[in-house]
Structures are given as C-alpha cells and as structure tokens.
C-alpha cells in the first residue's frame, strides 16, 4: 500500500491518501479540498475515514463526500482491510485505524511522535486517554504510527513514554 501525506490548513493537519490496487482511501481530509482533489486526479476513491470531528480534520469532509459520492467511515472495498479502535481521550469520538497486514496505524490526535493529544478541549477526558493508552499497549512495538499532525513514528518508541503521560494526566 502506498501512503501519501498531504499537510493542510493553518494547523498543518495530516491528510493521508492510501493507494492500493488503483483505489484510494482518504483519512482525515483536513480543510483543503482543492489540494486533495488535485492529488487524486480522477482516481477511484472508495472511502473516507475520520479519526475525530475537530475542524482541522474535517474541514473538507462535506466537499469530499459530495464530490466522490461517499459516506463517512464506510469503505466499500475489500482491498482496504482495517480494524477500528476506539481511542477516546483527545475527544470522545477519537478512533484509530489499524491496518494489520501493512502493520500501520492512523491515530489522529490521540497519539503523536513524542506526545499524546490534548485532553483539555471539549469532550476530552484524561480518564479516557489513560484507558486508550493502556488499550494501545497491546499492539506490537513495530507498528508504524501515522498521526494527525507531525511525523510518523513507531509504537514501541511511544510506549516508553506512556507511564510518564499517565502520571501527568
């Protein structure tokens, strides 16, 4: 699977476009439909996944859904096989997507390189963040993490900081 990261908007949100067998899947379309559409260039878009509903992650969502005739978080293609993991804490609707075959996870604003998401925003919860961190510890250390902002990382690297985060929140 090929992964393209488009950095969009004032908060530099990561919009990911996954390509497999000439089909595309968009994760968190951010707020720059024109850039996303230009990159897609008339290829077959089979779905759009949202990690959470903060404006920097969904600003172009309605345009994407309408233009490509899609429904949010519904992928009608077996080439994209993933697990949905509820990871609230940053927001009560936070979801991570784990692609087991490819050993990659898209975490939105739940988990970043060397950081976790803020829990002090509306619907954020330190208790839920702690539960989500414990849940994600069950996944292998070599899982590649693609966050909602910044560079990708490896889960094992991030797990080393979990006890520290839990003690702070």
C-alpha atoms as a PDB file:
ATOM      1  CA  UNK A   1       0.000   0.000   0.000  1.00  0.00           C
ATOM      2  CA  UNK A   2       1.277   3.446  -0.935  1.00  0.00           C
ATOM      3  CA  UNK A   3       0.706   6.251   1.599  1.00  0.00           C
ATOM      4  CA  UNK A   4       0.765   9.929   0.636  1.00  0.00           C
ATOM      5  CA  UNK A   5       0.689  12.607   3.330  1.00  0.00           C
ATOM      6  CA  UNK A   6      -0.751  15.987   2.404  1.00  0.00           C
ATOM      7  CA  UNK A   7      -0.207  18.644   5.079  1.00  0.00           C
ATOM      8  CA  UNK A   8      -3.160  21.019   5.008  1.00  0.00           C
ATOM      9  CA  UNK A   9      -4.516  24.051   6.806  1.00  0.00           C
ATOM     10  CA  UNK A  10      -3.256  26.520   9.359  1.00  0.00           C
ATOM     11  CA  UNK A  11      -2.776  23.742  11.952  1.00  0.00           C
ATOM     12  CA  UNK A  12      -0.805  21.632   9.458  1.00  0.00           C
ATOM     13  CA  UNK A  13      -3.074  18.602   9.720  1.00  0.00           C
ATOM     14  CA  UNK A  14      -2.004  15.365   8.040  1.00  0.00           C
ATOM     15  CA  UNK A  15      -4.440  14.195   5.393  1.00  0.00           C
ATOM     16  CA  UNK A  16      -3.464  10.714   4.266  1.00  0.00           C
ATOM     17  CA  UNK A  17      -4.300   9.188   0.919  1.00  0.00           C
ATOM     18  CA  UNK A  18      -3.799   5.440   0.766  1.00  0.00           C
ATOM     19  CA  UNK A  19      -3.490   3.723  -2.597  1.00  0.00           C
ATOM     20  CA  UNK A  20      -3.885   0.032  -3.222  1.00  0.00           C
ATOM     21  CA  UNK A  21      -4.762  -1.728  -6.486  1.00  0.00           C
ATOM     22  CA  UNK A  22      -5.516   1.622  -8.173  1.00  0.00           C
ATOM     23  CA  UNK A  23      -8.046   2.548  -5.476  1.00  0.00           C
ATOM     24  CA  UNK A  24      -7.744   5.380  -2.965  1.00  0.00           C
ATOM     25  CA  UNK A  25      -8.816   5.793   0.640  1.00  0.00           C
ATOM     26  CA  UNK A  26      -8.717   9.226   2.293  1.00  0.00           C
ATOM     27  CA  UNK A  27      -8.049   9.595   6.012  1.00  0.00           C
ATOM     28  CA  UNK A  28      -8.902  12.971   7.616  1.00  0.00           C
ATOM     29  CA  UNK A  29      -9.431  15.290   4.628  1.00  0.00           C
ATOM     30  CA  UNK A  30      -8.474  18.404   6.582  1.00  0.00           C
ATOM     31  CA  UNK A  31      -9.531  21.696   5.067  1.00  0.00           C
ATOM     32  CA  UNK A  32      -8.071  21.939   1.572  1.00  0.00           C
ATOM     33  CA  UNK A  33     -10.342  20.144  -0.868  1.00  0.00           C
ATOM     34  CA  UNK A  34      -8.604  21.622  -3.921  1.00  0.00           C
ATOM     35  CA  UNK A  35      -5.200  20.208  -2.935  1.00  0.00           C
ATOM     36  CA  UNK A  36      -6.700  16.798  -2.136  1.00  0.00           C
ATOM     37  CA  UNK A  37      -8.674  16.688  -5.375  1.00  0.00           C
ATOM     38  CA  UNK A  38      -5.633  17.769  -7.394  1.00  0.00           C
ATOM     39  CA  UNK A  39      -3.565  14.933  -5.923  1.00  0.00           C
ATOM     40  CA  UNK A  40      -6.342  12.367  -6.515  1.00  0.00           C
ATOM     41  CA  UNK A  41      -6.560  13.407 -10.170  1.00  0.00           C
ATOM     42  CA  UNK A  42      -9.680  11.414 -11.125  1.00  0.00           C
ATOM     43  CA  UNK A  43      -8.572   8.143  -9.481  1.00  0.00           C
ATOM     44  CA  UNK A  44     -11.103   5.803  -7.881  1.00  0.00           C
ATOM     45  CA  UNK A  45     -11.819   6.940  -4.296  1.00  0.00           C
ATOM     46  CA  UNK A  46     -13.520   4.124  -2.359  1.00  0.00           C
ATOM     47  CA  UNK A  47     -13.875   5.754   1.065  1.00  0.00           C
ATOM     48  CA  UNK A  48     -13.056   8.426   3.604  1.00  0.00           C
ATOM     49  CA  UNK A  49     -12.179   7.715   7.239  1.00  0.00           C
ATOM     50  CA  UNK A  50     -12.317  10.281  10.030  1.00  0.00           C
ATOM     51  CA  UNK A  51     -10.284   9.933  13.233  1.00  0.00           C
ATOM     52  CA  UNK A  52     -12.325  12.595  15.060  1.00  0.00           C
ATOM     53  CA  UNK A  53     -14.518  15.578  14.285  1.00  0.00           C
ATOM     54  CA  UNK A  54     -12.309  18.588  15.042  1.00  0.00           C
ATOM     55  CA  UNK A  55     -12.432  21.201  12.282  1.00  0.00           C
ATOM     56  CA  UNK A  56      -8.794  20.823  11.265  1.00  0.00           C
ATOM     57  CA  UNK A  57      -9.522  17.157  10.389  1.00  0.00           C
ATOM     58  CA  UNK A  58     -12.931  17.535   8.707  1.00  0.00           C
ATOM     59  CA  UNK A  59     -12.929  20.970   7.077  1.00  0.00           C
ATOM     60  CA  UNK A  60     -13.122  19.457   3.576  1.00  0.00           C
ATOM     61  CA  UNK A  61     -15.204  16.418   4.577  1.00  0.00           C
ATOM     62  CA  UNK A  62     -18.523  17.569   3.142  1.00  0.00           C
ATOM     63  CA  UNK A  63     -16.902  18.501  -0.171  1.00  0.00           C
ATOM     64  CA  UNK A  64     -15.134  15.135  -0.353  1.00  0.00           C
ATOM     65  CA  UNK A  65     -18.306  13.183   0.484  1.00  0.00           C
ATOM     66  CA  UNK A  66     -20.347  15.059  -2.092  1.00  0.00           C
ATOM     67  CA  UNK A  67     -17.770  15.160  -4.896  1.00  0.00           C
ATOM     68  CA  UNK A  68     -16.841  11.452  -4.654  1.00  0.00           C
ATOM     69  CA  UNK A  69     -20.346  10.283  -3.648  1.00  0.00           C
ATOM     70  CA  UNK A  70     -19.154   8.664  -0.408  1.00  0.00           C
ATOM     71  CA  UNK A  71     -20.403   8.130   3.121  1.00  0.00           C
ATOM     72  CA  UNK A  72     -18.175   8.897   6.087  1.00  0.00           C
ATOM     73  CA  UNK A  73     -16.346   5.907   7.628  1.00  0.00           C
ATOM     74  CA  UNK A  74     -17.798   3.433   5.115  1.00  0.00           C
ATOM     75  CA  UNK A  75     -15.336   1.742   2.790  1.00  0.00           C
ATOM     76  CA  UNK A  76     -16.883  -0.404   0.099  1.00  0.00           C
ATOM     77  CA  UNK A  77     -13.764  -2.257  -0.936  1.00  0.00           C
ATOM     78  CA  UNK A  78     -12.130  -5.389   0.443  1.00  0.00           C
ATOM     79  CA  UNK A  79      -8.637  -4.279  -0.591  1.00  0.00           C
ATOM     80  CA  UNK A  80      -8.558  -1.970   2.437  1.00  0.00           C
ATOM     81  CA  UNK A  81      -8.753  -4.232   5.478  1.00  0.00           C
ATOM     82  CA  UNK A  82      -8.509  -2.456   8.836  1.00  0.00           C
ATOM     83  CA  UNK A  83      -9.554  -2.612  12.461  1.00  0.00           C
ATOM     84  CA  UNK A  84     -11.387   0.277  14.113  1.00  0.00           C
ATOM     85  CA  UNK A  85     -10.042   1.047  17.591  1.00  0.00           C
ATOM     86  CA  UNK A  86     -11.933   3.456  19.819  1.00  0.00           C
ATOM     87  CA  UNK A  87      -9.258   5.678  21.383  1.00  0.00           C
ATOM     88  CA  UNK A  88     -11.102   8.480  23.201  1.00  0.00           C
ATOM     89  CA  UNK A  89      -9.257  10.969  25.340  1.00  0.00           C
ATOM     90  CA  UNK A  90      -8.400  13.816  22.991  1.00  0.00           C
ATOM     91  CA  UNK A  91     -12.081  13.785  22.039  1.00  0.00           C
ATOM     92  CA  UNK A  92     -14.912  11.422  22.878  1.00  0.00           C
ATOM     93  CA  UNK A  93     -15.196  10.299  19.236  1.00  0.00           C
ATOM     94  CA  UNK A  94     -11.500   9.569  18.604  1.00  0.00           C
ATOM     95  CA  UNK A  95     -10.844   6.484  16.507  1.00  0.00           C
ATOM     96  CA  UNK A  96      -7.595   4.892  15.371  1.00  0.00           C
ATOM     97  CA  UNK A  97      -7.415   2.678  12.294  1.00  0.00           C
ATOM     98  CA  UNK A  98      -5.097  -0.339  12.334  1.00  0.00           C
ATOM     99  CA  UNK A  99      -4.125  -1.976   9.046  1.00  0.00           C
ATOM    100  CA  UNK A 100      -2.753  -5.286  10.343  1.00  0.00           C
ATOM    101  CA  UNK A 101      -1.378  -6.603   7.031  1.00  0.00           C
ATOM    102  CA  UNK A 102       0.609  -3.413   6.494  1.00  0.00           C
ATOM    103  CA  UNK A 103       1.425  -3.023  10.225  1.00  0.00           C
ATOM    104  CA  UNK A 104       0.352   0.626  10.274  1.00  0.00           C
ATOM    105  CA  UNK A 105      -1.999   2.667  12.441  1.00  0.00           C
ATOM    106  CA  UNK A 106      -3.565   6.072  11.844  1.00  0.00           C
ATOM    107  CA  UNK A 107      -4.112   7.712  15.233  1.00  0.00           C
ATOM    108  CA  UNK A 108      -5.434  11.211  14.515  1.00  0.00           C
ATOM    109  CA  UNK A 109      -4.785  13.395  17.555  1.00  0.00           C
ATOM    110  CA  UNK A 110      -4.727  10.508  20.040  1.00  0.00           C
ATOM    111  CA  UNK A 111      -1.025   9.706  19.644  1.00  0.00           C
ATOM    112  CA  UNK A 112       1.817  11.678  18.060  1.00  0.00           C
ATOM    113  CA  UNK A 113       5.564  11.308  17.785  1.00  0.00           C
ATOM    114  CA  UNK A 114       6.793  12.032  21.337  1.00  0.00           C
ATOM    115  CA  UNK A 115       3.370  13.227  22.555  1.00  0.00           C
ATOM    116  CA  UNK A 116      -0.283  12.448  23.133  1.00  0.00           C
ATOM    117  CA  UNK A 117      -3.300  14.548  22.252  1.00  0.00           C
ATOM    118  CA  UNK A 118      -4.604  17.321  24.456  1.00  0.00           C
ATOM    119  CA  UNK A 119      -7.360  16.285  26.852  1.00  0.00           C
ATOM    120  CA  UNK A 120      -8.462  19.790  27.868  1.00  0.00           C
ATOM    121  CA  UNK A 121     -10.630  20.500  24.804  1.00  0.00           C
ATOM    122  CA  UNK A 122     -14.413  19.999  24.751  1.00  0.00           C
ATOM    123  CA  UNK A 123     -15.242  16.258  25.071  1.00  0.00           C
ATOM    124  CA  UNK A 124     -11.627  15.486  26.003  1.00  0.00           C
ATOM    125  CA  UNK A 125     -11.036  13.267  29.028  1.00  0.00           C
ATOM    126  CA  UNK A 126      -7.861  12.373  30.902  1.00  0.00           C
ATOM    127  CA  UNK A 127      -9.501   9.194  32.223  1.00  0.00           C
ATOM    128  CA  UNK A 128     -10.418   8.058  28.715  1.00  0.00           C
ATOM    129  CA  UNK A 129      -6.949   8.959  27.440  1.00  0.00           C
ATOM    130  CA  UNK A 130      -5.393   6.721  30.097  1.00  0.00           C
ATOM    131  CA  UNK A 131      -7.731   3.848  29.134  1.00  0.00           C
ATOM    132  CA  UNK A 132      -6.857   4.342  25.470  1.00  0.00           C
ATOM    133  CA  UNK A 133      -3.126   4.308  26.188  1.00  0.00           C
ATOM    134  CA  UNK A 134      -3.497   1.019  28.078  1.00  0.00           C
ATOM    135  CA  UNK A 135      -5.555  -0.407  25.196  1.00  0.00           C
ATOM    136  CA  UNK A 136      -2.979   0.522  22.560  1.00  0.00           C
ATOM    137  CA  UNK A 137      -0.171  -1.124  24.596  1.00  0.00           C
ATOM    138  CA  UNK A 138      -1.498  -4.494  23.383  1.00  0.00           C
ATOM    139  CA  UNK A 139      -0.295  -3.772  19.849  1.00  0.00           C
ATOM    140  CA  UNK A 140       3.200  -4.697  18.647  1.00  0.00           C
ATOM    141  CA  UNK A 141       6.081  -2.300  19.203  1.00  0.00           C
ATOM    142  CA  UNK A 142       6.930  -2.248  15.483  1.00  0.00           C
ATOM    143  CA  UNK A 143       3.549  -0.837  14.380  1.00  0.00           C
ATOM    144  CA  UNK A 144       4.125   2.338  12.369  1.00  0.00           C
ATOM    145  CA  UNK A 145       2.094   5.269  13.705  1.00  0.00           C
ATOM    146  CA  UNK A 146       0.753   7.906  11.326  1.00  0.00           C
ATOM    147  CA  UNK A 147      -0.535  10.787  13.491  1.00  0.00           C
ATOM    148  CA  UNK A 148      -2.867  13.672  12.709  1.00  0.00           C
ATOM    149  CA  UNK A 149      -0.002  16.187  12.892  1.00  0.00           C
ATOM    150  CA  UNK A 150       3.759  15.881  12.530  1.00  0.00           C
ATOM    151  CA  UNK A 151       5.990  12.998  11.563  1.00  0.00           C
ATOM    152  CA  UNK A 152       5.264   9.290  11.716  1.00  0.00           C
ATOM    153  CA  UNK A 153       6.756   7.166  14.484  1.00  0.00           C
ATOM    154  CA  UNK A 154       6.906   3.602  15.822  1.00  0.00           C
ATOM    155  CA  UNK A 155       4.581   2.446  18.597  1.00  0.00           C
ATOM    156  CA  UNK A 156       7.397   0.936  20.698  1.00  0.00           C
ATOM    157  CA  UNK A 157       9.121   4.317  20.854  1.00  0.00           C
ATOM    158  CA  UNK A 158       5.900   5.944  22.055  1.00  0.00           C
ATOM    159  CA  UNK A 159       5.070   3.232  24.605  1.00  0.00           C
ATOM    160  CA  UNK A 160       8.243   4.185  26.505  1.00  0.00           C
ATOM    161  CA  UNK A 161       6.566   7.485  27.409  1.00  0.00           C
ATOM    162  CA  UNK A 162       3.129   6.133  28.371  1.00  0.00           C
ATOM    163  CA  UNK A 163       3.871   5.817  32.110  1.00  0.00           C
ATOM    164  CA  UNK A 164       5.113   9.395  32.098  1.00  0.00           C
ATOM    165  CA  UNK A 165       1.952  10.660  30.348  1.00  0.00           C
ATOM    166  CA  UNK A 166      -0.293   8.676  32.679  1.00  0.00           C
ATOM    167  CA  UNK A 167       1.430  10.189  35.725  1.00  0.00           C
ATOM    168  CA  UNK A 168       0.859  13.697  34.339  1.00  0.00           C
ATOM    169  CA  UNK A 169      -2.795  13.377  33.424  1.00  0.00           C
END
